[in-house]
Amino acid sequence: MSTIEHWIDGELTAGSGDRRGHVYNPATGQQQHEVVLGSAEDVDAAVTSARIAFQTWSQASLSKRTKIMFNFRELVNANVKQLAEIISDEHGKVLSDAAGEVQRGLEVIEFACGIPELLKGSYSDQASTGVDVFSFREPLGVCVGITPFNFPAMVPMWMYPVAIACGNTFVLKPSERDPSASTFVAGLLKQAGLPDGVFNVVHGDKVAVDALLHHADVAAVSFVGSTPIARYIHEQANAHGKRVQALGGAKNHAIVLPDADLDFAAGHLTAAAFGSAGERCMAISAAVAVGAAGDALVDLVSRKAGDVVVGSGRDPASEMGPVVTAAAKQRIEGLIDSGERQGAKVTVDGRGLRVPGYEDGFFVGPTVLDQVGTEMDVYREEIFGPVLSVVRADTADAAIDLINSNPYGNGTAIFTNSGEAARRFQRGVHVGMIGINVPIPVPMAYYSFGGWKNSLFGDKHIHGPEGVSFYTRGKVVTSRWPHVSGPSDASLHFPTAS
């Protein structure tokens, strides 16, 4: 059985500890690798390497950074298939979905290739007589990314391409459930010409996370994961004087109005709820059927959910793969049980699904629950599995109020043919990312990704323009070059323009 190692200072290393984690193939249910779990000493080695590398990398020219980013972009593009296979084998998602994940990560790399334009400062000539004022942005130092299992390639790519292009160095702590993609990408960055120490990978669990949060040489922390952990990351990083952005969980709603094309809406709801087995922070987990749309929508969604082909992520015929672990399967099925006990109507039941040839896999089939109430556990909790809850509302305004009363504010969508209703929706909901007839409104890389309320802790969203702002800090220079023999105009008064 192979061992997945850290990547520190440009090479693989088993580190100093002897703890190991298990990496499974979710389709077979069998362990396929073990992964080293980093110690505080391993974290210190990675951060020290990054700190030393920052001294030279932060001074590298924009043209050098850009050249490396372009090289990296080409290498990732050439290895999409291999990366997708690595992701599928450890996460479980189907190959096409895994390739799509890499493509969305590539878009952030391409955004980072434009760093010379993105880091332009400003200049004011003759702000006062003989005085000019200009500004520019500088990198922070050693930046850290702590990333989840559900997008082992894309979510880290939201972070390190922008951070590195801005002149920072980076330490990535990926999920220990599917760690191989991060180590593979580290090798691509080295091939692209990135100097040793600029990008490091430390595998591990809470031991490694806490060591990163407490390390004096870490300047900034980026996190994506559940809300309880996001809150913890935010509190700990702040307490230790670090800049932090921590993206938390979600309970994404999609409103379906009676004037919508219901077949169109049902098809997109099915894809948004069950793609990647629902293990997306932007998955639609609650459909709000407004008025007369309810019964017809439930019927259409149930039929389409029943047609989803579930199987191994490596099988080209599969549309949906397994969930990531046996524990995830048990938790998801337990929430379905709870919903049924509390009065929801199960119209499509994915519990106990067995895929021929993969009887030990961690499979949960697409599940649809109708007549879900907001007091039910299946509505209140972030399921992170292939479960769609249908909630009924009498009016569009009541549906908007329902969304706004939810503690999460990550993504939401509306299906309608009314421009007035769509505009009222987009202005009325307290949510960071909104789709109009688009159920998964993940912004393009030149915008920033982030939610509101309990879906984000910190004041900066991730990647895009806010990512550049997060990974840099501003300087303003006021400059004067007087004549050597000229009179002095020094004054004890507060300086003003003249």
Protein backbone atom coordinates (compact mmCIF):
# COMPACT_ATOMS: atom_id res chain seq x y z
CA MET A 1 0.00 0.00 0.00
CA SER A 2 1.48 3.35 -1.05
CA THR A 3 2.07 6.19 1.40
CA ILE A 4 1.18 9.78 0.51
CA GLU A 5 3.87 12.10 1.87
CA HIS A 6 4.27 15.81 2.54
CA TRP A 7 5.82 18.16 -0.01
CA ILE A 8 8.25 20.46 1.77
CA ASP A 9 11.00 22.61 0.23
CA GLY A 10 10.53 21.08 -3.21
CA GLU A 11 10.56 17.39 -2.33
CA LEU A 12 8.53 14.58 -0.83
CA THR A 13 9.14 13.74 2.81
CA ALA A 14 7.57 11.44 5.37
CA GLY A 15 8.16 14.05 8.04
CA SER A 16 8.94 13.49 11.69
CA GLY A 17 5.84 11.73 13.00
CA ASP A 18 4.63 8.15 12.82
CA ARG A 19 0.86 8.78 12.67
CA ARG A 20 -0.94 7.65 9.51
CA GLY A 21 -4.42 8.11 8.10
CA HIS A 22 -6.44 5.85 5.80
CA VAL A 23 -7.42 6.89 2.27
CA TYR A 24 -10.29 4.88 0.79
CA ASN A 25 -11.73 4.29 -2.63
CA PRO A 26 -15.36 5.24 -1.90
CA ALA A 27 -16.69 3.08 -4.76
CA THR A 28 -15.15 -0.13 -3.44
CA GLY A 29 -15.09 0.75 0.25
CA GLN A 30 -11.48 -0.47 0.40
CA GLN A 31 -8.43 1.36 1.73
CA GLN A 32 -6.07 2.19 -1.13
CA HIS A 33 -3.40 4.42 0.48
CA GLU A 34 -2.18 5.66 3.79
CA VAL A 35 -1.29 9.31 4.32
CA VAL A 36 1.23 10.74 6.75
CA LEU A 37 -0.38 12.97 9.37
CA GLY A 38 1.77 15.99 10.05
CA SER A 39 3.16 16.95 13.43
CA ALA A 40 3.92 20.43 14.75
CA GLU A 41 7.52 19.81 13.69
CA ASP A 42 6.43 19.07 10.11
CA VAL A 43 4.40 22.28 10.06
CA ASP A 44 7.36 24.24 11.34
CA ALA A 45 9.58 22.75 8.63
CA ALA A 46 7.10 23.76 5.92
CA VAL A 47 6.55 27.26 7.29
CA THR A 48 10.28 27.80 7.74
CA SER A 49 10.90 26.74 4.15
CA ALA A 50 8.18 29.14 2.99
CA ARG A 51 9.52 31.98 5.15
CA ILE A 52 13.02 31.63 3.71
CA ALA A 53 11.69 31.36 0.15
CA PHE A 54 9.59 34.51 0.66
CA GLN A 55 12.74 36.62 0.97
CA THR A 56 13.55 36.07 -2.69
CA TRP A 57 10.15 35.20 -4.18
CA SER A 58 8.58 38.43 -2.91
CA GLN A 59 11.24 40.31 -4.87
CA ALA A 60 10.74 38.32 -8.08
CA SER A 61 9.62 40.41 -11.02
CA LEU A 62 6.04 40.40 -12.19
CA SER A 63 7.20 38.98 -15.51
CA LYS A 64 8.88 36.02 -13.78
CA ARG A 65 5.81 35.27 -11.67
CA THR A 66 3.58 35.53 -14.72
CA LYS A 67 5.79 33.23 -16.78
CA ILE A 68 5.63 30.55 -14.10
CA MET A 69 1.85 30.90 -13.84
CA PHE A 70 1.51 30.47 -17.60
CA ASN A 71 3.77 27.39 -17.46
CA PHE A 72 1.69 25.98 -14.62
CA ARG A 73 -1.51 26.62 -16.53
CA GLU A 74 -0.24 24.59 -19.48
CA LEU A 75 0.88 21.71 -17.25
CA VAL A 76 -2.46 21.51 -15.45
CA ASN A 77 -4.30 21.66 -18.77
CA ALA A 78 -2.16 18.81 -20.10
CA ASN A 79 -2.88 16.69 -17.02
CA VAL A 80 -6.62 17.21 -16.60
CA LYS A 81 -7.34 13.53 -17.26
CA GLN A 82 -4.80 12.27 -14.72
CA LEU A 83 -5.94 14.76 -12.10
CA ALA A 84 -9.58 13.78 -12.68
CA GLU A 85 -8.70 10.11 -12.18
CA ILE A 86 -6.88 10.88 -8.91
CA ILE A 87 -9.88 12.88 -7.67
CA SER A 88 -12.40 10.23 -8.70
CA ASP A 89 -10.48 7.42 -7.02
CA GLU A 90 -10.24 9.23 -3.66
CA HIS A 91 -13.37 11.39 -3.59
CA GLY A 92 -15.74 9.17 -5.59
CA LYS A 93 -17.15 11.74 -8.01
CA VAL A 94 -17.55 10.76 -11.66
CA LEU A 95 -14.72 11.55 -14.06
CA SER A 96 -16.61 14.22 -15.98
CA ASP A 97 -17.41 16.04 -12.74
CA ALA A 98 -13.80 15.76 -11.59
CA ALA A 99 -12.58 17.15 -14.92
CA GLY A 100 -15.04 20.02 -14.55
CA GLU A 101 -13.60 20.76 -11.13
CA VAL A 102 -10.09 21.01 -12.60
CA GLN A 103 -11.39 23.28 -15.35
CA ARG A 104 -12.86 25.71 -12.82
CA GLY A 105 -9.54 25.70 -10.97
CA LEU A 106 -7.77 26.44 -14.26
CA GLU A 107 -9.88 29.56 -14.61
CA VAL A 108 -8.37 30.91 -11.37
CA ILE A 109 -4.86 30.09 -12.60
CA GLU A 110 -5.65 32.01 -15.79
CA PHE A 111 -6.90 34.93 -13.68
CA ALA A 112 -3.60 34.85 -11.76
CA CYS A 113 -1.69 34.99 -15.06
CA GLY A 114 -2.93 38.58 -15.32
CA ILE A 115 -1.25 39.62 -12.08
CA PRO A 116 0.71 42.54 -13.63
CA GLU A 117 -2.60 44.23 -14.44
CA LEU A 118 -4.18 43.25 -11.12
CA LEU A 119 -1.34 44.70 -9.01
CA LYS A 120 -1.21 48.06 -10.72
CA GLY A 121 -0.99 50.91 -8.23
CA SER A 122 -2.06 54.53 -8.56
CA TYR A 123 -0.14 57.77 -9.02
CA SER A 124 -1.06 61.40 -8.38
CA ASP A 125 1.37 63.87 -9.91
CA GLN A 126 1.82 67.26 -8.20
CA ALA A 127 -0.58 66.50 -5.33
CA SER A 128 1.07 69.48 -3.69
CA THR A 129 3.71 71.77 -5.11
CA GLY A 130 6.65 69.52 -5.93
CA VAL A 131 5.03 66.57 -4.14
CA ASP A 132 3.77 63.34 -5.76
CA VAL A 133 1.71 60.58 -4.13
CA PHE A 134 1.58 56.99 -5.29
CA SER A 135 0.42 53.64 -3.98
CA PHE A 136 1.20 49.98 -4.53
CA ARG A 137 0.45 46.62 -2.92
CA GLU A 138 2.92 44.21 -1.36
CA PRO A 139 2.65 40.49 -0.46
CA LEU A 140 2.01 39.46 3.12
CA GLY A 141 4.47 36.60 3.65
CA VAL A 142 3.66 32.96 4.39
CA CYS A 143 0.01 32.21 3.57
CA VAL A 144 -1.87 29.05 4.52
CA GLY A 145 -4.75 27.19 2.86
CA ILE A 146 -6.86 24.65 4.78
CA THR A 147 -9.16 22.96 2.30
CA PRO A 148 -12.04 20.42 2.27
CA PHE A 149 -12.44 16.99 0.71
CA ASN A 150 -15.21 17.84 -1.75
CA PHE A 151 -13.04 19.75 -4.26
CA PRO A 152 -9.47 18.54 -3.71
CA ALA A 153 -8.15 20.36 -6.79
CA MET A 154 -10.44 23.35 -7.32
CA VAL A 155 -10.71 24.84 -3.83
CA PRO A 156 -6.92 24.92 -3.25
CA MET A 157 -6.66 26.54 -6.70
CA TRP A 158 -8.97 29.29 -5.45
CA MET A 159 -6.14 30.20 -3.07
CA TYR A 160 -2.54 29.45 -3.96
CA PRO A 161 -2.34 30.70 -7.59
CA VAL A 162 -3.49 34.17 -6.51
CA ALA A 163 -1.38 34.16 -3.34
CA ILE A 164 1.77 33.03 -5.15
CA ALA A 165 1.28 35.36 -8.11
CA CYS A 166 0.99 38.24 -5.62
CA GLY A 167 4.46 37.33 -4.28
CA ASN A 168 3.55 35.27 -1.20
CA THR A 169 4.68 31.77 -0.34
CA PHE A 170 2.16 29.11 0.57
CA VAL A 171 1.56 26.10 2.83
CA LEU A 172 -1.44 23.93 1.90
CA LYS A 173 -3.13 21.58 4.37
CA PRO A 174 -5.54 19.58 2.19
CA SER A 175 -8.16 17.15 3.43
CA GLU A 176 -6.61 13.91 4.64
CA ARG A 177 -9.51 12.03 2.99
CA ASP A 178 -8.34 12.74 -0.59
CA PRO A 179 -4.82 14.20 -0.40
CA SER A 180 -3.15 12.93 -3.59
CA ALA A 181 -4.28 15.75 -5.90
CA SER A 182 -2.40 18.33 -3.84
CA THR A 183 0.87 16.41 -3.93
CA PHE A 184 0.48 15.86 -7.68
CA VAL A 185 -0.07 19.57 -8.26
CA ALA A 186 3.01 20.40 -6.18
CA GLY A 187 5.08 18.45 -8.69
CA LEU A 188 3.51 20.39 -11.56
CA LEU A 189 4.39 23.69 -9.90
CA LYS A 190 8.00 22.59 -9.61
CA GLN A 191 8.01 21.60 -13.29
CA ALA A 192 6.63 25.05 -14.09
CA GLY A 193 9.73 26.61 -12.54
CA LEU A 194 8.42 27.64 -9.13
CA PRO A 195 11.37 27.87 -6.69
CA ASP A 196 11.56 25.34 -3.88
CA GLY A 197 9.81 26.44 -0.71
CA VAL A 198 7.29 28.74 -2.39
CA PHE A 199 4.61 26.01 -2.32
CA ASN A 200 4.47 23.34 0.37
CA VAL A 201 1.94 20.64 1.30
CA VAL A 202 1.51 19.31 4.83
CA HIS A 203 -1.02 16.51 5.21
CA GLY A 204 -2.75 16.01 8.51
CA ASP A 205 -5.62 16.57 10.88
CA LYS A 206 -6.33 18.98 13.73
CA VAL A 207 -2.75 18.70 14.98
CA ALA A 208 -1.43 20.23 11.77
CA VAL A 209 -4.27 22.76 11.57
CA ASP A 210 -3.64 24.09 15.08
CA ALA A 211 0.11 24.26 14.49
CA LEU A 212 -0.52 26.40 11.38
CA LEU A 213 -2.99 28.67 13.18
CA HIS A 214 -0.58 29.25 16.05
CA HIS A 215 2.66 29.59 14.08
CA ALA A 216 4.21 33.03 14.48
CA ASP A 217 5.51 33.13 10.89
CA VAL A 218 2.10 32.57 9.24
CA ALA A 219 0.64 35.84 7.98
CA ALA A 220 -2.74 34.79 6.57
CA VAL A 221 -5.10 31.81 6.59
CA SER A 222 -7.71 30.83 4.00
CA PHE A 223 -10.23 28.12 4.85
CA VAL A 224 -13.20 26.39 3.23
CA GLY A 225 -15.26 23.85 5.18
CA SER A 226 -18.11 23.49 7.65
CA THR A 227 -19.45 26.42 9.65
CA PRO A 228 -18.34 25.17 13.12
CA ILE A 229 -14.77 24.71 11.89
CA ALA A 230 -14.84 27.98 9.94
CA ARG A 231 -15.83 29.79 13.12
CA TYR A 232 -13.01 28.06 15.02
CA ILE A 233 -10.45 28.88 12.31
CA HIS A 234 -11.55 32.51 12.27
CA GLU A 235 -11.36 32.86 16.05
CA GLN A 236 -7.99 31.14 16.39
CA ALA A 237 -6.35 32.92 13.46
CA ASN A 238 -7.59 36.29 14.70
CA ALA A 239 -6.39 35.54 18.22
CA HIS A 240 -2.92 34.90 16.82
CA GLY A 241 -2.80 38.07 14.76
CA LYS A 242 -3.37 36.63 11.30
CA ARG A 243 -5.47 37.84 8.41
CA VAL A 244 -8.19 35.24 7.86
CA GLN A 245 -10.99 34.35 5.48
CA ALA A 246 -13.04 31.33 6.53
CA LEU A 247 -15.83 30.08 4.27
CA GLY A 248 -18.36 27.93 6.09
CA GLY A 249 -21.35 25.75 5.32
CA ALA A 250 -24.50 26.28 3.32
CA LYS A 251 -28.17 25.50 2.98
CA ASN A 252 -28.84 26.62 -0.56
CA HIS A 253 -32.45 27.20 -1.59
CA ALA A 254 -33.96 27.39 -5.04
CA ILE A 255 -37.34 29.10 -5.42
CA VAL A 256 -39.58 27.77 -8.21
CA LEU A 257 -42.42 30.09 -9.17
CA PRO A 258 -45.59 28.88 -10.91
CA ASP A 259 -44.67 30.79 -14.09
CA ALA A 260 -41.37 28.88 -14.48
CA ASP A 261 -40.78 26.20 -17.09
CA LEU A 262 -41.20 23.36 -14.60
CA ASP A 263 -39.52 20.70 -16.71
CA PHE A 264 -36.49 22.98 -17.15
CA ALA A 265 -36.45 23.75 -13.43
CA ALA A 266 -36.82 20.09 -12.42
CA GLY A 267 -33.94 19.04 -14.66
CA HIS A 268 -31.63 21.67 -13.24
CA LEU A 269 -32.70 21.00 -9.67
CA THR A 270 -31.91 17.32 -10.17
CA ALA A 271 -28.43 18.15 -11.46
CA ALA A 272 -27.80 20.72 -8.74
CA ALA A 273 -28.98 18.47 -5.90
CA PHE A 274 -27.39 15.18 -6.96
CA GLY A 275 -24.28 16.15 -8.91
CA SER A 276 -21.15 15.10 -7.02
CA ALA A 277 -23.53 13.18 -4.71
CA GLY A 278 -24.61 16.50 -3.23
CA GLU A 279 -21.14 17.04 -1.74
CA ARG A 280 -20.89 20.65 -2.91
CA CYS A 281 -21.15 23.79 -0.83
CA MET A 282 -23.18 25.21 -3.73
CA ALA A 283 -25.51 22.21 -4.09
CA ILE A 284 -29.23 22.95 -3.96
CA SER A 285 -30.53 21.08 -0.93
CA ALA A 286 -33.88 22.86 -0.49
CA ALA A 287 -36.37 23.59 -3.25
CA VAL A 288 -39.07 26.08 -2.33
CA ALA A 289 -42.14 25.34 -4.43
CA VAL A 290 -44.35 28.41 -4.59
CA GLY A 291 -48.12 28.06 -4.85
CA ALA A 292 -49.40 25.95 -7.71
CA ALA A 293 -45.90 24.86 -8.73
CA GLY A 294 -45.67 22.36 -5.85
CA ASP A 295 -47.24 19.07 -6.86
CA ALA A 296 -46.15 19.18 -10.49
CA LEU A 297 -42.58 20.08 -9.51
CA VAL A 298 -42.32 17.24 -6.99
CA ASP A 299 -43.61 14.78 -9.57
CA LEU A 300 -41.10 15.91 -12.22
CA VAL A 301 -38.13 16.04 -9.84
CA SER A 302 -38.97 12.61 -8.44
CA ARG A 303 -39.08 11.05 -11.89
CA LYS A 304 -35.80 12.65 -12.91
CA ALA A 305 -34.11 11.70 -9.63
CA GLY A 306 -35.15 8.09 -10.16
CA ASP A 307 -33.46 8.11 -13.57
CA VAL A 308 -30.02 9.19 -12.27
CA VAL A 309 -27.43 6.46 -12.95
CA VAL A 310 -25.42 5.78 -9.80
CA GLY A 311 -22.16 3.85 -9.94
CA SER A 312 -18.39 3.97 -9.73
CA GLY A 313 -16.86 7.31 -10.63
CA ARG A 314 -14.62 5.49 -13.10
CA ASP A 315 -17.60 4.06 -15.01
CA PRO A 316 -18.38 6.34 -17.99
CA ALA A 317 -22.06 5.45 -17.67
CA SER A 318 -22.27 6.80 -14.11
CA GLU A 319 -23.86 10.18 -13.50
CA MET A 320 -23.36 10.14 -9.74
CA GLY A 321 -20.80 8.34 -7.61
CA PRO A 322 -20.63 7.37 -3.92
CA VAL A 323 -20.24 9.68 -0.94
CA VAL A 324 -16.77 10.05 0.47
CA THR A 325 -16.78 7.77 3.56
CA ALA A 326 -18.83 5.14 5.35
CA ALA A 327 -19.44 7.67 8.14
CA ALA A 328 -20.86 10.16 5.62
CA LYS A 329 -23.20 7.49 4.25
CA GLN A 330 -24.43 6.64 7.76
CA ARG A 331 -24.97 10.30 8.67
CA ILE A 332 -26.88 11.09 5.45
CA GLU A 333 -29.14 8.07 5.76
CA GLY A 334 -29.75 8.97 9.40
CA LEU A 335 -30.99 12.42 8.40
CA ILE A 336 -33.33 10.87 5.82
CA ASP A 337 -34.66 8.60 8.59
CA SER A 338 -35.16 11.64 10.80
CA GLY A 339 -37.01 13.55 8.08
CA GLU A 340 -39.38 10.64 7.54
CA ARG A 341 -40.02 10.27 11.29
CA GLN A 342 -40.72 13.99 11.61
CA GLY A 343 -43.37 13.94 8.88
CA ALA A 344 -41.68 14.47 5.53
CA LYS A 345 -42.89 12.35 2.61
CA VAL A 346 -40.12 10.31 0.94
CA THR A 347 -40.94 10.32 -2.79
CA VAL A 348 -37.57 8.92 -3.88
CA ASP A 349 -35.56 6.84 -1.39
CA GLY A 350 -31.81 6.39 -1.81
CA ARG A 351 -31.20 4.52 1.43
CA GLY A 352 -29.66 1.06 1.27
CA LEU A 353 -28.56 1.41 -2.34
CA ARG A 354 -26.25 -1.40 -3.51
CA VAL A 355 -24.42 -1.04 -6.81
CA PRO A 356 -23.66 -4.41 -8.51
CA GLY A 357 -19.95 -5.12 -8.33
CA TYR A 358 -19.47 -2.41 -5.67
CA GLU A 359 -21.50 -3.82 -2.81
CA ASP A 360 -19.10 -2.44 -0.19
CA GLY A 361 -19.07 1.08 -1.65
CA PHE A 362 -20.35 4.15 0.17
CA PHE A 363 -23.42 4.70 -1.99
CA VAL A 364 -26.53 6.74 -1.18
CA GLY A 365 -29.01 7.13 -4.01
CA PRO A 366 -30.78 10.36 -4.98
CA THR A 367 -33.45 11.11 -2.39
CA VAL A 368 -36.40 13.51 -2.57
CA LEU A 369 -38.39 14.55 0.50
CA ASP A 370 -41.64 16.46 0.09
CA GLN A 371 -43.63 18.44 2.67
CA VAL A 372 -40.47 19.30 4.61
CA GLY A 373 -40.92 21.72 7.49
CA THR A 374 -38.35 24.25 8.62
CA GLU A 375 -38.28 22.69 12.10
CA MET A 376 -37.09 19.31 10.76
CA ASP A 377 -33.48 18.19 11.17
CA VAL A 378 -33.24 17.37 7.47
CA TYR A 379 -33.96 21.04 6.73
CA ARG A 380 -31.97 22.63 9.53
CA GLU A 381 -28.73 20.68 9.07
CA GLU A 382 -26.29 20.83 6.19
CA ILE A 383 -26.72 17.32 4.79
CA PHE A 384 -23.86 17.35 2.27
CA GLY A 385 -25.34 14.41 0.44
CA PRO A 386 -27.77 13.58 -2.41
CA VAL A 387 -30.94 14.72 -0.64
CA LEU A 388 -33.37 17.34 -1.94
CA SER A 389 -35.94 18.70 0.50
CA VAL A 390 -39.04 20.32 -0.98
CA VAL A 391 -40.57 23.08 1.13
CA ARG A 392 -43.89 24.72 0.22
CA ALA A 393 -44.57 28.48 0.26
CA ASP A 394 -47.70 30.40 -0.72
CA THR A 395 -46.00 33.41 -2.32
CA ALA A 396 -42.64 34.56 -3.64
CA ASP A 397 -42.32 37.01 -0.76
CA ALA A 398 -42.92 34.19 1.72
CA ALA A 399 -40.20 32.16 -0.02
CA ILE A 400 -37.76 35.09 0.20
CA ASP A 401 -38.55 35.44 3.92
CA LEU A 402 -37.87 31.71 4.33
CA ILE A 403 -34.42 32.07 2.76
CA ASN A 404 -33.60 35.14 4.83
CA SER A 405 -34.57 33.41 8.08
CA ASN A 406 -32.01 30.66 7.42
CA PRO A 407 -28.66 31.14 9.21
CA TYR A 408 -26.71 30.39 6.03
CA GLY A 409 -26.28 32.76 3.10
CA ASN A 410 -24.00 31.06 0.59
CA GLY A 411 -25.93 30.58 -2.67
CA THR A 412 -29.51 30.67 -3.87
CA ALA A 413 -31.50 30.59 -7.11
CA ILE A 414 -34.87 31.39 -8.59
CA PHE A 415 -36.67 29.75 -11.50
CA THR A 416 -39.09 32.14 -13.17
CA ASN A 417 -40.01 33.79 -16.46
CA SER A 418 -40.76 37.08 -14.71
CA GLY A 419 -38.05 39.74 -14.82
CA GLU A 420 -39.83 41.67 -12.09
CA ALA A 421 -39.88 38.66 -9.77
CA ALA A 422 -36.21 37.90 -10.50
CA ARG A 423 -35.19 41.47 -9.76
CA ARG A 424 -37.22 41.54 -6.54
CA PHE A 425 -35.54 38.25 -5.56
CA GLN A 426 -31.97 39.34 -6.29
CA ARG A 427 -32.43 42.53 -4.29
CA GLY A 428 -34.37 40.94 -1.46
CA VAL A 429 -32.40 37.84 -0.46
CA HIS A 430 -29.59 38.08 2.08
CA VAL A 431 -27.26 35.74 0.20
CA GLY A 432 -23.85 36.26 -1.38
CA MET A 433 -24.27 34.38 -4.70
CA ILE A 434 -27.51 34.39 -6.67
CA GLY A 435 -28.66 32.49 -9.73
CA ILE A 436 -31.55 33.44 -12.00
CA ASN A 437 -32.55 30.22 -13.77
CA VAL A 438 -29.01 29.10 -12.86
CA PRO A 439 -29.10 26.72 -9.88
CA ILE A 440 -25.36 26.68 -9.06
CA PRO A 441 -24.23 30.31 -9.45
CA VAL A 442 -20.50 29.81 -8.87
CA PRO A 443 -18.91 33.08 -10.07
CA MET A 444 -16.26 33.14 -12.77
CA ALA A 445 -12.70 33.58 -11.53
CA TYR A 446 -12.66 37.31 -12.30
CA TYR A 447 -15.41 37.76 -9.71
CA SER A 448 -15.04 36.63 -6.11
CA PHE A 449 -16.67 33.63 -4.39
CA GLY A 450 -18.29 34.00 -1.00
CA GLY A 451 -21.46 33.92 1.03
CA TRP A 452 -23.04 35.90 3.83
CA LYS A 453 -24.08 35.20 7.42
CA ASN A 454 -22.84 31.83 8.75
CA SER A 455 -21.34 30.97 5.37
CA LEU A 456 -18.42 33.40 5.75
CA PHE A 457 -16.26 34.55 8.64
CA GLY A 458 -14.03 37.45 7.69
CA ASP A 459 -14.53 40.42 5.41
CA LYS A 460 -13.00 39.15 2.15
CA HIS A 461 -14.38 36.67 -0.34
CA ILE A 462 -12.08 34.22 -2.11
CA HIS A 463 -10.22 34.46 -5.46
CA GLY A 464 -10.98 37.22 -7.96
CA PRO A 465 -10.40 40.88 -7.04
CA GLU A 466 -11.05 40.30 -3.34
CA GLY A 467 -8.50 37.49 -3.39
CA VAL A 468 -5.83 39.87 -4.65
CA SER A 469 -6.81 42.33 -1.92
CA PHE A 470 -6.70 39.60 0.74
CA TYR A 471 -3.21 38.39 -0.20
CA THR A 472 -1.66 41.88 -0.36
CA ARG A 473 -1.53 45.06 1.71
CA GLY A 474 -1.25 48.63 0.52
CA LYS A 475 1.49 51.21 0.79
CA VAL A 476 1.12 54.90 0.00
CA VAL A 477 4.25 56.96 -0.68
CA THR A 478 4.37 60.75 -0.53
CA SER A 479 7.49 61.91 -2.36
CA ARG A 480 9.34 65.20 -2.87
CA TRP A 481 12.72 65.93 -4.49
CA PRO A 482 13.66 69.51 -3.50
CA HIS A 483 16.45 71.58 -5.03
CA VAL A 484 19.57 70.94 -2.99
CA SER A 485 20.30 74.64 -2.61
CA GLY A 486 16.65 75.75 -2.27
CA PRO A 487 15.07 77.23 0.86
CA SER A 488 13.48 74.92 3.41
CA ASP A 489 9.72 75.16 3.89
CA ALA A 490 9.65 72.94 6.96
CA SER A 491 6.86 73.77 9.42
CA LEU A 492 5.56 72.52 12.73
CA HIS A 493 2.02 72.82 11.36
CA PHE A 494 0.18 69.71 10.14
CA PRO A 495 1.09 69.29 6.43
CA THR A 496 -1.48 70.49 3.87
CA ALA A 497 -1.45 70.70 0.09
CA SER A 498 -0.37 73.98 -1.46
